[in-house]
Amino acid sequence: FDEEGKVIVNGNAGKNTGAVLNGGLVIINGNTNDFTGFEMKNGVIVVDGNAGKYLGAKKKGGVIYARDGKEIPPTKKYELNKDDVEFLKSLGYTGKFYKFI
């Protein structure tokens, strides 16, 4: 965790990654397990891999970017817009990602 509110995990993370997140940036350079972003309130999660099932369950705010994952309502999966692509590029990521909000 750095002074800018950023956490970087190099490797896979477990179940409930980013649960109840209320700000900041969480970057996972690997896969996460089910319930990523559970009850998330604010902030950004970037998963450079598969974000598992039940993605964003009971999510109230914030954004999740992932290469793959199975969302659960009310969270919806979207293609990236130009601003999303630029944001991910600023973090060093290219290629196919989806936006879950």
Protein backbone atom coordinates (compact mmCIF):
# COMPACT_ATOMS: atom_id res chain seq x y z
CA PHE A 1 0.00 0.00 0.00
CA ASP A 2 1.58 3.28 -1.02
CA GLU A 3 0.91 6.91 -0.10
CA GLU A 4 -1.32 7.33 -3.17
CA GLY A 5 -3.71 4.61 -2.03
CA LYS A 6 -2.46 2.02 -4.53
CA VAL A 7 -1.98 -1.69 -3.84
CA ILE A 8 -0.21 -3.92 -6.37
CA VAL A 9 -0.31 -7.72 -6.09
CA ASN A 10 2.03 -9.62 -8.39
CA GLY A 11 0.38 -13.02 -8.59
CA ASN A 12 -3.06 -14.46 -8.02
CA ALA A 13 -5.35 -13.18 -5.29
CA GLY A 14 -8.06 -15.08 -3.47
CA LYS A 15 -11.77 -14.84 -2.92
CA ASN A 16 -13.36 -11.45 -2.03
CA THR A 17 -10.48 -9.38 -3.44
CA GLY A 18 -11.37 -5.70 -3.03
CA ALA A 19 -14.39 -6.45 -0.83
CA VAL A 20 -15.90 -3.28 0.65
CA LEU A 21 -13.26 -1.16 -1.13
CA ASN A 22 -13.98 2.50 -0.46
CA GLY A 23 -11.34 4.21 -2.61
CA GLY A 24 -7.88 3.86 -4.04
CA LEU A 25 -6.54 1.56 -6.71
CA VAL A 26 -6.04 -2.21 -6.40
CA ILE A 27 -4.04 -3.88 -9.17
CA ILE A 28 -3.87 -7.66 -9.43
CA ASN A 29 -1.28 -8.97 -11.90
CA GLY A 30 -2.92 -12.38 -12.06
CA ASN A 31 -6.35 -13.91 -11.45
CA THR A 32 -8.76 -13.40 -8.59
CA ASN A 33 -11.30 -15.84 -7.26
CA ASP A 34 -15.06 -15.41 -6.85
CA PHE A 35 -16.73 -12.32 -5.36
CA THR A 36 -14.11 -9.80 -6.54
CA GLY A 37 -15.34 -6.32 -5.59
CA PHE A 38 -18.03 -7.66 -3.24
CA GLU A 39 -19.96 -4.70 -1.74
CA MET A 40 -17.42 -2.33 -3.33
CA LYS A 41 -18.27 1.32 -2.65
CA ASN A 42 -15.66 3.35 -4.53
CA GLY A 43 -12.23 3.09 -6.15
CA VAL A 44 -10.79 1.02 -8.98
CA ILE A 45 -9.79 -2.64 -9.25
CA VAL A 46 -7.70 -3.82 -12.22
CA VAL A 47 -7.41 -7.59 -12.73
CA ASP A 48 -4.88 -8.58 -15.38
CA GLY A 49 -6.54 -11.97 -15.68
CA ASN A 50 -9.83 -13.66 -14.85
CA ALA A 51 -11.84 -12.08 -12.04
CA GLY A 52 -13.93 -15.17 -11.31
CA LYS A 53 -17.67 -15.53 -10.78
CA TYR A 54 -20.09 -13.22 -8.94
CA LEU A 55 -17.98 -10.23 -9.97
CA GLY A 56 -19.18 -7.04 -8.28
CA ALA A 57 -21.86 -8.75 -6.16
CA LYS A 58 -23.77 -6.07 -4.18
CA LYS A 59 -21.42 -3.44 -5.66
CA LYS A 60 -22.52 0.13 -4.95
CA GLY A 61 -19.88 2.14 -6.82
CA GLY A 62 -16.39 2.14 -8.26
CA VAL A 63 -15.07 0.44 -11.37
CA ILE A 64 -13.57 -2.98 -12.03
CA TYR A 65 -11.45 -3.65 -15.12
CA ALA A 66 -10.68 -7.27 -15.94
CA ARG A 67 -9.70 -9.39 -18.91
CA ASP A 68 -12.53 -11.78 -18.07
CA GLY A 69 -15.07 -12.53 -15.35
CA LYS A 70 -18.73 -13.33 -14.76
CA GLU A 71 -20.62 -10.40 -13.32
CA ILE A 72 -23.77 -10.63 -11.23
CA PRO A 73 -26.56 -8.00 -11.33
CA PRO A 74 -26.66 -5.11 -10.76
CA THR A 75 -23.05 -5.06 -12.06
CA LYS A 76 -22.86 -5.02 -15.86
CA LYS A 77 -20.07 -5.80 -18.33
CA TYR A 78 -19.13 -3.18 -20.93
CA GLU A 79 -16.61 -2.71 -23.71
CA LEU A 80 -13.98 -0.07 -22.94
CA ASN A 81 -14.32 3.48 -24.20
CA LYS A 82 -11.36 5.66 -25.25
CA ASP A 83 -10.88 7.08 -21.73
CA ASP A 84 -10.80 3.57 -20.23
CA VAL A 85 -8.18 2.45 -22.76
CA GLU A 86 -6.04 5.51 -21.99
CA PHE A 87 -6.37 4.94 -18.23
CA LEU A 88 -5.26 1.30 -18.52
CA LYS A 89 -2.46 2.29 -20.90
CA SER A 90 -1.23 4.81 -18.29
CA LEU A 91 -0.87 1.85 -15.91
CA GLY A 92 1.02 -0.17 -18.51
CA TYR A 93 -1.83 -2.43 -19.69
CA THR A 94 -2.85 -3.09 -23.28
CA GLY A 95 -5.01 -5.71 -24.93
CA LYS A 96 -8.56 -6.85 -24.26
CA PHE A 97 -10.14 -5.74 -21.01
CA TYR A 98 -13.77 -5.23 -19.98
CA LYS A 99 -15.26 -2.62 -17.68
CA PHE A 100 -17.61 -3.79 -14.94
CA ILE A 101 -19.81 -1.12 -13.35
